[in-house]
Amino acid sequence: MKVQELMERVGMNETGRAIAYIKDGLEEINVIAETHITTARIDIIKDQRYYNLPNNMVKAIDIRCKNHHNSKDEYRSIPRMVGNPIIEDADGV
């Protein structure tokens, strides 16, 4: 379907606004459908809570750590923290 056909169906006359709505919709579909998934590896540092993440990242799906709650050199998911931390880090961030 072309942009003109879509504009006729919804009764819109402004091409720029229609294209902006289409781009917004495609971005939301991408967030929901989880397409174009890439993996990034970041070395973790003991007692560090905050890390710089890639600028083009839209959503973190899973974060895994080796030897987390096991001693078999397995990667396990780290649970997500909701809310503010009770204990502050030494870096004060």
C-alpha atoms as a PDB file:
ATOM      1  CA  MET A   1       0.000   0.000   0.000  1.00  0.00           C
ATOM      2  CA  LYS A   2       1.303   3.436  -0.905  1.00  0.00           C
ATOM      3  CA  VAL A   3       1.217   6.496   1.330  1.00  0.00           C
ATOM      4  CA  GLN A   4      -1.358   8.147  -0.947  1.00  0.00           C
ATOM      5  CA  GLU A   5      -3.715   5.153  -0.643  1.00  0.00           C
ATOM      6  CA  LEU A   6      -3.373   5.169   3.131  1.00  0.00           C
ATOM      7  CA  MET A   7      -4.056   8.910   3.258  1.00  0.00           C
ATOM      8  CA  GLU A   8      -7.216   8.446   1.175  1.00  0.00           C
ATOM      9  CA  ARG A   9      -8.482   5.674   3.482  1.00  0.00           C
ATOM     10  CA  VAL A  10      -8.076   7.758   6.642  1.00  0.00           C
ATOM     11  CA  GLY A  11      -9.154  11.048   5.042  1.00  0.00           C
ATOM     12  CA  MET A  12      -5.882  12.911   5.567  1.00  0.00           C
ATOM     13  CA  ASN A  13      -4.529  15.651   3.303  1.00  0.00           C
ATOM     14  CA  GLU A  14      -1.129  16.365   4.893  1.00  0.00           C
ATOM     15  CA  THR A  15       1.604  14.120   3.452  1.00  0.00           C
ATOM     16  CA  GLY A  16       4.291  15.100   5.986  1.00  0.00           C
ATOM     17  CA  ARG A  17       2.076  14.301   8.954  1.00  0.00           C
ATOM     18  CA  ALA A  18       1.007  10.980   7.409  1.00  0.00           C
ATOM     19  CA  ILE A  19       4.623   9.926   6.889  1.00  0.00           C
ATOM     20  CA  ALA A  20       5.469  10.920  10.487  1.00  0.00           C
ATOM     21  CA  TYR A  21       2.568   8.789  11.780  1.00  0.00           C
ATOM     22  CA  ILE A  22       3.687   5.840   9.635  1.00  0.00           C
ATOM     23  CA  LYS A  23       7.275   6.101  10.948  1.00  0.00           C
ATOM     24  CA  ASP A  24       6.037   6.302  14.553  1.00  0.00           C
ATOM     25  CA  GLY A  25       3.854   3.241  14.011  1.00  0.00           C
ATOM     26  CA  LEU A  26       6.695   1.246  12.483  1.00  0.00           C
ATOM     27  CA  GLU A  27       8.960   2.121  15.418  1.00  0.00           C
ATOM     28  CA  GLU A  28       6.294   0.954  17.908  1.00  0.00           C
ATOM     29  CA  ILE A  29       5.859  -2.292  15.982  1.00  0.00           C
ATOM     30  CA  ASN A  30       9.629  -2.776  16.130  1.00  0.00           C
ATOM     31  CA  VAL A  31       9.638  -2.332  19.916  1.00  0.00           C
ATOM     32  CA  ILE A  32       6.739  -4.750  20.409  1.00  0.00           C
ATOM     33  CA  ALA A  33       7.777  -7.387  17.849  1.00  0.00           C
ATOM     34  CA  GLU A  34      11.479  -7.384  18.828  1.00  0.00           C
ATOM     35  CA  THR A  35      12.873  -7.520  15.296  1.00  0.00           C
ATOM     36  CA  HIS A  36      16.458  -6.656  14.414  1.00  0.00           C
ATOM     37  CA  ILE A  37      17.785  -7.999  17.706  1.00  0.00           C
ATOM     38  CA  THR A  38      21.519  -7.662  18.244  1.00  0.00           C
ATOM     39  CA  THR A  39      23.695  -8.840  21.100  1.00  0.00           C
ATOM     40  CA  ALA A  40      26.203  -6.644  22.883  1.00  0.00           C
ATOM     41  CA  ARG A  41      28.751  -7.871  25.385  1.00  0.00           C
ATOM     42  CA  ILE A  42      29.998  -5.607  28.155  1.00  0.00           C
ATOM     43  CA  ASP A  43      32.537  -6.674  30.767  1.00  0.00           C
ATOM     44  CA  ILE A  44      31.197  -6.246  34.277  1.00  0.00           C
ATOM     45  CA  ILE A  45      33.229  -4.794  37.122  1.00  0.00           C
ATOM     46  CA  LYS A  46      32.913  -5.900  40.727  1.00  0.00           C
ATOM     47  CA  ASP A  47      30.835  -3.528  42.911  1.00  0.00           C
ATOM     48  CA  GLN A  48      29.805  -1.353  39.940  1.00  0.00           C
ATOM     49  CA  ARG A  49      26.074  -0.864  39.409  1.00  0.00           C
ATOM     50  CA  TYR A  50      25.874   1.590  36.493  1.00  0.00           C
ATOM     51  CA  TYR A  51      27.202   0.982  32.958  1.00  0.00           C
ATOM     52  CA  ASN A  52      27.140   2.927  29.696  1.00  0.00           C
ATOM     53  CA  LEU A  53      24.844   1.242  27.184  1.00  0.00           C
ATOM     54  CA  PRO A  54      24.921   1.594  23.361  1.00  0.00           C
ATOM     55  CA  ASN A  55      23.272   4.789  22.061  1.00  0.00           C
ATOM     56  CA  ASN A  56      21.233   2.925  19.432  1.00  0.00           C
ATOM     57  CA  MET A  57      19.686   0.568  21.996  1.00  0.00           C
ATOM     58  CA  VAL A  58      15.887   0.687  22.156  1.00  0.00           C
ATOM     59  CA  LYS A  59      15.184  -1.995  24.743  1.00  0.00           C
ATOM     60  CA  ALA A  60      17.181  -4.375  26.937  1.00  0.00           C
ATOM     61  CA  ILE A  61      15.554  -7.806  26.712  1.00  0.00           C
ATOM     62  CA  ASP A  62      17.822  -9.809  29.000  1.00  0.00           C
ATOM     63  CA  ILE A  63      21.016  -9.295  30.974  1.00  0.00           C
ATOM     64  CA  ARG A  64      23.051 -12.368  31.888  1.00  0.00           C
ATOM     65  CA  CYS A  65      26.038 -12.909  34.140  1.00  0.00           C
ATOM     66  CA  LYS A  66      28.408 -15.859  34.385  1.00  0.00           C
ATOM     67  CA  ASN A  67      28.371 -17.704  37.741  1.00  0.00           C
ATOM     68  CA  HIS A  68      25.320 -15.765  39.010  1.00  0.00           C
ATOM     69  CA  HIS A  69      23.797 -18.003  41.737  1.00  0.00           C
ATOM     70  CA  ASN A  70      25.814 -20.998  40.485  1.00  0.00           C
ATOM     71  CA  SER A  71      29.359 -22.292  40.344  1.00  0.00           C
ATOM     72  CA  LYS A  72      29.135 -24.204  37.052  1.00  0.00           C
ATOM     73  CA  ASP A  73      30.332 -21.392  34.746  1.00  0.00           C
ATOM     74  CA  GLU A  74      26.776 -20.958  33.414  1.00  0.00           C
ATOM     75  CA  TYR A  75      25.257 -17.689  32.273  1.00  0.00           C
ATOM     76  CA  ARG A  76      22.072 -16.854  34.199  1.00  0.00           C
ATOM     77  CA  SER A  77      19.696 -13.910  33.915  1.00  0.00           C
ATOM     78  CA  ILE A  78      20.079 -11.135  36.456  1.00  0.00           C
ATOM     79  CA  PRO A  79      16.722 -10.123  37.958  1.00  0.00           C
ATOM     80  CA  ARG A  80      15.495  -6.645  37.140  1.00  0.00           C
ATOM     81  CA  MET A  81      15.541  -4.131  39.969  1.00  0.00           C
ATOM     82  CA  VAL A  82      12.385  -2.074  40.383  1.00  0.00           C
ATOM     83  CA  GLY A  83      12.594   1.149  42.368  1.00  0.00           C
ATOM     84  CA  ASN A  84      15.528   2.931  43.939  1.00  0.00           C
ATOM     85  CA  PRO A  85      18.382   0.988  45.547  1.00  0.00           C
ATOM     86  CA  ILE A  86      18.345   0.820  49.338  1.00  0.00           C
ATOM     87  CA  ILE A  87      22.144   0.906  49.658  1.00  0.00           C
ATOM     88  CA  GLU A  88      24.017   3.620  47.766  1.00  0.00           C
ATOM     89  CA  ASP A  89      27.096   2.762  45.706  1.00  0.00           C
ATOM     90  CA  ALA A  90      30.508   4.102  46.621  1.00  0.00           C
ATOM     91  CA  ASP A  91      30.598   6.020  43.320  1.00  0.00           C
ATOM     92  CA  GLY A  92      27.605   8.072  44.507  1.00  0.00           C
ATOM     93  CA  VAL A  93      25.740   7.919  41.191  1.00  0.00           C
END
